[in-house]
């Protein structure tokens, strides 16, 4: 494997007026609407009492945060070393690994029947902790990779906006479930329809905005790293939760929260840190990373759904067991006693 130890400018230019075109603005607005809709719908599945329980007994939350800020930055750093990426390439990967959990993790946690209260609490806490953890982790892991100072490049304003966009619609959803539960099914159904429709629009606009530029980062190394990072997050998040004897629902939730990163923050940091001629096509690495996150998340959902169909539910198992027990122990045998109470030979 050839080593690339020196950083060099790329012969690469972004599309004209990238980020300032009408389609870019439309994509930003649509993404905000999509996020608010998803958070409102998910808020309708939560309860204040269960959220409070996660804070009073924060074992699951603590394990989740350790997985988020322990596994992912280390994974990104190790992959950059293993594949012997150059300084800028390794740094682009590291920025993604040090980012907090992404909002898509909440939707995927719902799809695998995870603990939605833990999911939202973890996303909120990891986003809030990113104000301190991102500069700290970037400072620790970037030593020897990048000579500049990254701690001033963390988009604090963007992080605070992410928090507001999580907390406000979720709170409205929780209040709606508490005060007007009869409207909750309609809100969720409308939310699903809007999210599905907007997802199609996002895919189309993203393809228009990026064009063929993303092809520059579709090298074997970057494709492999983009596939491995979320997979390792999903896998180790679940294993760590299982080792600490968390429930299956919590384990699935932490797996989703660990594997999904906030790629918008990754793109922002890369954008404000490096000029286009320096970062080159690596500006699109977070988008490639997001594509693999979504693909692997959908694969996990498919596997989970198939597993559910194959494995009988606990209630069904109990019914089968009860029926089998009833068959083995029939009712009266004609003399006022059951089979288990039959008199032994020699007794009256």
Protein backbone atom coordinates (compact mmCIF):
# COMPACT_ATOMS: atom_id res chain seq x y z
CA UNK A 1 0.00 0.00 0.00
CA UNK A 2 1.56 3.27 -1.10
CA UNK A 3 2.05 5.89 1.57
CA UNK A 4 1.06 9.52 0.97
CA UNK A 5 2.84 11.44 3.67
CA UNK A 6 2.87 14.90 2.18
CA UNK A 7 -0.10 17.16 1.71
CA UNK A 8 -0.34 18.75 -1.71
CA UNK A 9 -2.85 21.09 -3.34
CA UNK A 10 -5.48 19.39 -5.49
CA UNK A 11 -6.10 20.32 -9.11
CA UNK A 12 -9.78 20.67 -8.32
CA UNK A 13 -12.43 23.37 -8.37
CA UNK A 14 -15.92 23.34 -6.90
CA UNK A 15 -18.90 23.89 -9.20
CA UNK A 16 -19.46 27.61 -10.00
CA UNK A 17 -21.17 29.52 -7.15
CA UNK A 18 -21.26 26.31 -5.10
CA UNK A 19 -23.30 26.87 -1.93
CA UNK A 20 -24.90 30.08 -3.25
CA UNK A 21 -27.10 28.75 -6.06
CA UNK A 22 -30.92 28.61 -5.82
CA UNK A 23 -30.76 24.82 -5.64
CA UNK A 24 -28.35 25.04 -2.68
CA UNK A 25 -30.74 27.36 -0.84
CA UNK A 26 -33.69 25.12 -1.67
CA UNK A 27 -31.82 22.09 -0.35
CA UNK A 28 -30.99 23.89 2.91
CA UNK A 29 -34.61 24.94 3.46
CA UNK A 30 -35.93 21.47 2.64
CA UNK A 31 -33.45 19.83 5.04
CA UNK A 32 -34.58 22.14 7.86
CA UNK A 33 -38.26 21.32 7.19
CA UNK A 34 -37.41 17.62 7.07
CA UNK A 35 -35.51 17.75 10.36
CA UNK A 36 -38.30 19.65 12.15
CA UNK A 37 -40.91 17.20 10.82
CA UNK A 38 -38.90 14.17 11.92
CA UNK A 39 -38.23 15.57 15.39
CA UNK A 40 -41.91 16.50 15.88
CA UNK A 41 -43.02 13.00 14.87
CA UNK A 42 -40.43 11.34 17.09
CA UNK A 43 -41.37 13.60 19.99
CA UNK A 44 -44.87 12.11 19.80
CA UNK A 45 -43.35 8.71 20.69
CA UNK A 46 -41.63 9.98 23.87
CA UNK A 47 -42.63 10.59 27.48
CA UNK A 48 -41.19 13.02 30.03
CA UNK A 49 -41.17 10.35 32.74
CA UNK A 50 -39.04 7.97 30.67
CA UNK A 51 -36.66 10.74 29.67
CA UNK A 52 -36.28 11.63 33.34
CA UNK A 53 -35.57 7.97 34.14
CA UNK A 54 -32.60 7.96 31.74
CA UNK A 55 -31.10 10.95 33.56
CA UNK A 56 -31.76 9.52 37.02
CA UNK A 57 -30.23 6.16 36.04
CA UNK A 58 -27.77 7.24 33.35
CA UNK A 59 -26.07 3.88 32.75
CA UNK A 60 -27.37 3.59 29.20
CA UNK A 61 -26.66 7.25 28.44
CA UNK A 62 -23.10 7.01 29.82
CA UNK A 63 -22.33 3.91 27.74
CA UNK A 64 -23.81 5.60 24.68
CA UNK A 65 -21.63 8.69 25.08
CA UNK A 66 -18.52 6.60 25.67
CA UNK A 67 -19.29 4.73 22.46
CA UNK A 68 -19.92 7.97 20.56
CA UNK A 69 -16.85 9.90 21.68
CA UNK A 70 -14.59 6.92 22.36
CA UNK A 71 -15.14 4.47 19.51
CA UNK A 72 -15.68 6.77 16.53
CA UNK A 73 -12.73 9.20 16.89
CA UNK A 74 -10.35 6.32 17.58
CA UNK A 75 -11.75 4.37 14.61
CA UNK A 76 -11.26 7.35 12.29
CA UNK A 77 -7.70 7.90 13.52
CA UNK A 78 -6.74 4.22 13.19
CA UNK A 79 -8.25 3.90 9.69
CA UNK A 80 -6.29 6.94 8.54
CA UNK A 81 -3.09 5.30 9.81
CA UNK A 82 -3.87 1.80 8.51
CA UNK A 83 -4.59 3.07 5.00
CA UNK A 84 -1.62 5.47 5.24
CA UNK A 85 -3.59 8.50 4.09
CA UNK A 86 -1.84 11.82 3.67
CA UNK A 87 -2.33 14.63 6.18
CA UNK A 88 -5.37 16.29 4.61
CA UNK A 89 -7.08 12.97 3.84
CA UNK A 90 -6.52 11.65 7.39
CA UNK A 91 -7.82 14.92 8.81
CA UNK A 92 -11.01 14.83 6.72
CA UNK A 93 -11.69 11.32 8.06
CA UNK A 94 -10.87 12.39 11.63
CA UNK A 95 -13.28 15.34 11.52
CA UNK A 96 -16.13 12.98 10.62
CA UNK A 97 -15.17 10.60 13.44
CA UNK A 98 -15.10 13.37 16.06
CA UNK A 99 -18.55 14.74 15.16
CA UNK A 100 -21.58 14.13 17.41
CA UNK A 101 -24.42 11.80 16.58
CA UNK A 102 -26.56 12.68 13.58
CA UNK A 103 -30.32 13.23 13.61
CA UNK A 104 -30.91 10.35 11.19
CA UNK A 105 -29.99 8.00 14.04
CA UNK A 106 -33.33 8.84 15.69
CA UNK A 107 -35.31 7.77 12.64
CA UNK A 108 -33.33 4.57 12.24
CA UNK A 109 -33.64 3.79 15.97
CA UNK A 110 -37.41 3.98 15.54
CA UNK A 111 -37.19 1.63 12.54
CA UNK A 112 -35.37 -1.03 14.60
CA UNK A 113 -37.79 -0.57 17.53
CA UNK A 114 -35.20 1.00 19.78
CA UNK A 115 -35.70 3.14 22.88
CA UNK A 116 -36.73 6.49 21.42
CA UNK A 117 -36.40 8.30 24.73
CA UNK A 118 -32.77 7.17 25.01
CA UNK A 119 -32.19 7.99 21.33
CA UNK A 120 -33.33 11.61 21.60
CA UNK A 121 -31.59 12.09 24.96
CA UNK A 122 -28.34 10.74 23.52
CA UNK A 123 -28.52 12.87 20.37
CA UNK A 124 -29.19 15.96 22.47
CA UNK A 125 -26.43 15.22 24.98
CA UNK A 126 -23.83 14.28 22.35
CA UNK A 127 -24.63 17.48 20.42
CA UNK A 128 -24.35 19.59 23.58
CA UNK A 129 -21.10 17.87 24.63
CA UNK A 130 -19.72 18.49 21.13
CA UNK A 131 -19.16 22.11 22.20
CA UNK A 132 -16.29 20.85 24.33
CA UNK A 133 -15.55 17.35 23.04
CA UNK A 134 -15.01 18.24 19.39
CA UNK A 135 -12.20 20.75 19.97
CA UNK A 136 -10.65 18.46 22.61
CA UNK A 137 -10.73 15.35 20.41
CA UNK A 138 -9.54 17.23 17.33
CA UNK A 139 -6.67 18.67 19.37
CA UNK A 140 -5.65 15.24 20.72
CA UNK A 141 -5.93 13.20 17.53
CA UNK A 142 -4.74 15.83 15.04
CA UNK A 143 -1.30 16.09 16.66
CA UNK A 144 1.12 14.81 14.08
CA UNK A 145 -1.51 15.02 11.32
CA UNK A 146 -2.11 18.75 11.00
CA UNK A 147 0.10 21.59 12.19
CA UNK A 148 -2.67 24.19 12.36
CA UNK A 149 -5.05 24.84 15.24
CA UNK A 150 -8.46 23.22 14.74
CA UNK A 151 -10.07 24.13 18.05
CA UNK A 152 -11.18 27.51 16.69
CA UNK A 153 -12.73 25.85 13.62
CA UNK A 154 -15.54 24.10 15.51
CA UNK A 155 -18.90 25.58 14.33
CA UNK A 156 -20.35 26.43 17.74
CA UNK A 157 -23.22 28.36 16.16
CA UNK A 158 -24.18 25.40 14.02
CA UNK A 159 -24.09 23.10 17.05
CA UNK A 160 -26.41 25.40 19.01
CA UNK A 161 -28.80 25.58 16.06
CA UNK A 162 -28.82 21.77 15.90
CA UNK A 163 -29.73 21.64 19.59
CA UNK A 164 -32.62 24.06 19.11
CA UNK A 165 -33.90 22.12 16.10
CA UNK A 166 -33.88 18.94 18.19
CA UNK A 167 -35.35 20.22 21.43
CA UNK A 168 -38.18 22.51 20.27
CA UNK A 169 -40.07 20.12 17.93
CA UNK A 170 -39.45 17.17 20.26
CA UNK A 171 -40.86 19.12 23.20
CA UNK A 172 -43.93 20.08 21.15
CA UNK A 173 -44.41 16.41 20.23
CA UNK A 174 -44.12 15.26 23.85
CA UNK A 175 -46.63 17.89 25.01
CA UNK A 176 -48.99 16.92 22.20
CA UNK A 177 -48.84 13.27 23.24
CA UNK A 178 -49.52 14.23 26.85
CA UNK A 179 -52.32 16.76 26.25
CA UNK A 180 -53.89 15.65 22.96
CA UNK A 181 -53.01 11.98 22.42
CA UNK A 182 -55.86 11.54 19.93
CA UNK A 183 -53.96 13.67 17.40
CA UNK A 184 -50.68 11.74 17.71
CA UNK A 185 -51.43 9.00 15.10
CA UNK A 186 -52.33 11.66 12.52
CA UNK A 187 -49.19 13.68 13.24
CA UNK A 188 -47.01 10.59 12.86
CA UNK A 189 -48.70 9.52 9.60
CA UNK A 190 -48.41 13.00 8.10
CA UNK A 191 -44.80 13.17 9.32
CA UNK A 192 -43.96 9.89 7.55
CA UNK A 193 -45.56 11.09 4.29
CA UNK A 194 -43.75 14.45 4.42
CA UNK A 195 -40.42 12.82 5.31
CA UNK A 196 -40.69 10.33 2.46
CA UNK A 197 -41.61 13.05 -0.05
CA UNK A 198 -38.86 15.38 1.13
CA UNK A 199 -36.30 12.55 1.04
CA UNK A 200 -36.92 12.18 -2.69
CA UNK A 201 -36.51 15.94 -3.17
CA UNK A 202 -33.29 15.92 -1.13
CA UNK A 203 -31.86 13.09 -3.22
CA UNK A 204 -32.69 14.89 -6.48
CA UNK A 205 -31.35 18.28 -5.34
CA UNK A 206 -28.19 16.71 -3.91
CA UNK A 207 -27.49 15.02 -7.23
CA UNK A 208 -28.05 18.32 -9.06
CA UNK A 209 -25.89 20.33 -6.66
CA UNK A 210 -22.96 17.95 -6.45
CA UNK A 211 -23.08 16.60 -9.98
CA UNK A 212 -20.08 14.48 -10.87
CA UNK A 213 -17.85 16.09 -8.23
CA UNK A 214 -18.40 13.29 -5.72
CA UNK A 215 -16.78 10.89 -8.17
CA UNK A 216 -13.41 12.41 -7.25
CA UNK A 217 -13.55 10.80 -3.77
CA UNK A 218 -14.84 7.44 -4.97
CA UNK A 219 -11.41 5.84 -4.83
CA UNK A 220 -10.95 2.31 -3.44
CA UNK A 221 -9.40 3.65 -0.21
CA UNK A 222 -12.15 6.18 0.50
CA UNK A 223 -14.91 3.79 -0.44
CA UNK A 224 -13.46 1.20 1.95
CA UNK A 225 -13.05 3.70 4.80
CA UNK A 226 -16.54 5.14 4.24
CA UNK A 227 -17.95 1.61 4.49
CA UNK A 228 -15.88 0.54 7.51
CA UNK A 229 -16.45 3.57 9.76
CA UNK A 230 -20.23 3.31 10.20
CA UNK A 231 -20.07 -0.50 10.25
CA UNK A 232 -17.56 -0.43 13.11
CA UNK A 233 -19.71 2.13 14.92
CA UNK A 234 -22.89 0.05 14.56
CA UNK A 235 -21.12 -3.16 15.59
CA UNK A 236 -19.03 -1.93 18.54
CA UNK A 237 -21.87 0.24 19.85
CA UNK A 238 -24.07 -2.85 20.07
CA UNK A 239 -21.31 -5.05 21.53
CA UNK A 240 -20.40 -2.48 24.20
CA UNK A 241 -24.05 -2.18 25.23
CA UNK A 242 -24.44 -5.96 25.38
CA UNK A 243 -21.30 -6.32 27.53
CA UNK A 244 -22.85 -3.98 30.10
CA UNK A 245 -26.08 -6.02 30.02
CA UNK A 246 -28.33 -3.36 28.56
CA UNK A 247 -31.64 -4.44 27.07
CA UNK A 248 -31.86 -5.36 23.40
CA UNK A 249 -33.83 -2.17 22.72
CA UNK A 250 -31.15 0.01 24.32
CA UNK A 251 -28.38 -1.90 22.54
CA UNK A 252 -30.00 -1.35 19.16
CA UNK A 253 -30.47 2.33 19.97
CA UNK A 254 -26.84 2.86 21.00
CA UNK A 255 -25.73 0.99 17.89
CA UNK A 256 -27.63 3.44 15.68
CA UNK A 257 -26.47 6.47 17.66
CA UNK A 258 -22.83 5.40 17.45
CA UNK A 259 -22.82 4.60 13.74
CA UNK A 260 -24.48 7.83 12.56
CA UNK A 261 -22.44 11.07 12.64
CA UNK A 262 -23.54 14.65 12.00
CA UNK A 263 -22.01 15.02 8.53
CA UNK A 264 -23.28 18.60 8.20
CA UNK A 265 -20.83 19.64 10.94
CA UNK A 266 -18.06 17.70 9.19
CA UNK A 267 -18.65 19.62 5.97
CA UNK A 268 -18.78 22.94 7.82
CA UNK A 269 -15.44 22.36 9.57
CA UNK A 270 -13.73 21.30 6.34
CA UNK A 271 -15.21 24.29 4.55
CA UNK A 272 -14.01 26.89 7.07
CA UNK A 273 -10.63 25.24 7.65
CA UNK A 274 -9.33 24.71 4.14
CA UNK A 275 -9.50 26.54 0.82
CA UNK A 276 -11.03 24.53 -2.07
CA UNK A 277 -7.64 24.16 -3.77
CA UNK A 278 -6.25 22.60 -0.58
CA UNK A 279 -9.13 20.37 0.52
CA UNK A 280 -10.04 19.57 -3.08
CA UNK A 281 -12.52 16.70 -3.62
CA UNK A 282 -12.22 15.74 0.07
CA UNK A 283 -14.86 18.42 0.63
CA UNK A 284 -17.30 15.73 -0.56
CA UNK A 285 -16.01 12.96 1.70
CA UNK A 286 -18.72 13.62 4.37
CA UNK A 287 -21.37 13.15 1.65
CA UNK A 288 -19.83 9.83 0.62
CA UNK A 289 -19.69 8.86 4.30
CA UNK A 290 -23.38 9.74 4.72
CA UNK A 291 -24.33 7.56 1.73
CA UNK A 292 -22.70 4.54 3.36
CA UNK A 293 -24.29 5.35 6.74
CA UNK A 294 -27.74 5.33 5.15
CA UNK A 295 -27.06 2.21 3.07
CA UNK A 296 -25.77 0.22 6.04
CA UNK A 297 -28.54 1.52 8.28
CA UNK A 298 -31.15 0.34 5.77
CA UNK A 299 -29.42 -3.04 5.59
CA UNK A 300 -29.56 -3.36 9.39
CA UNK A 301 -33.29 -2.52 9.32
CA UNK A 302 -33.88 -5.19 6.68
CA UNK A 303 -31.94 -7.81 8.67
CA UNK A 304 -33.77 -6.87 11.89
CA UNK A 305 -37.18 -7.12 10.23
CA UNK A 306 -36.32 -10.53 8.75
CA UNK A 307 -35.07 -11.69 12.17
CA UNK A 308 -38.34 -10.57 13.75
CA UNK A 309 -40.35 -12.60 11.28
CA UNK A 310 -38.23 -15.71 11.79
CA UNK A 311 -38.04 -15.54 15.58
CA UNK A 312 -41.43 -15.81 17.35
CA UNK A 313 -42.26 -13.01 19.73
CA UNK A 314 -42.21 -13.55 23.50
CA UNK A 315 -46.02 -13.35 23.68
CA UNK A 316 -46.38 -15.97 20.97
CA UNK A 317 -43.83 -18.18 22.70
CA UNK A 318 -45.76 -17.91 25.96
CA UNK A 319 -49.00 -18.85 24.20
CA UNK A 320 -47.35 -21.88 22.56
CA UNK A 321 -45.81 -22.93 25.87
CA UNK A 322 -49.12 -22.54 27.69
CA UNK A 323 -50.95 -24.53 25.03
CA UNK A 324 -48.35 -27.30 25.20
CA UNK A 325 -48.61 -27.42 28.98
CA UNK A 326 -52.40 -27.66 28.79
CA UNK A 327 -52.16 -30.55 26.37
CA UNK A 328 -49.75 -32.43 28.62
CA UNK A 329 -51.96 -31.91 31.67
CA UNK A 330 -55.55 -32.58 30.56
CA UNK A 331 -58.53 -31.80 32.70
CA UNK A 332 -60.54 -34.28 34.72
CA UNK A 333 -59.84 -37.96 34.10
CA UNK A 334 -63.32 -39.05 35.04
CA UNK A 335 -62.71 -39.68 38.74
CA UNK A 336 -62.52 -36.09 39.92
CA UNK A 337 -58.70 -35.89 39.69
CA UNK A 338 -56.28 -34.58 37.11
CA UNK A 339 -53.44 -36.59 35.63
CA UNK A 340 -50.96 -35.07 38.04
CA UNK A 341 -53.19 -35.90 40.95
CA UNK A 342 -53.86 -39.52 39.99
CA UNK A 343 -53.82 -42.02 42.91
CA UNK A 344 -50.91 -44.40 42.98
CA UNK A 345 -51.56 -48.15 42.94
CA UNK A 346 -52.82 -49.48 46.26
CA UNK A 347 -54.58 -46.29 47.24
CA UNK A 348 -58.30 -45.78 47.35
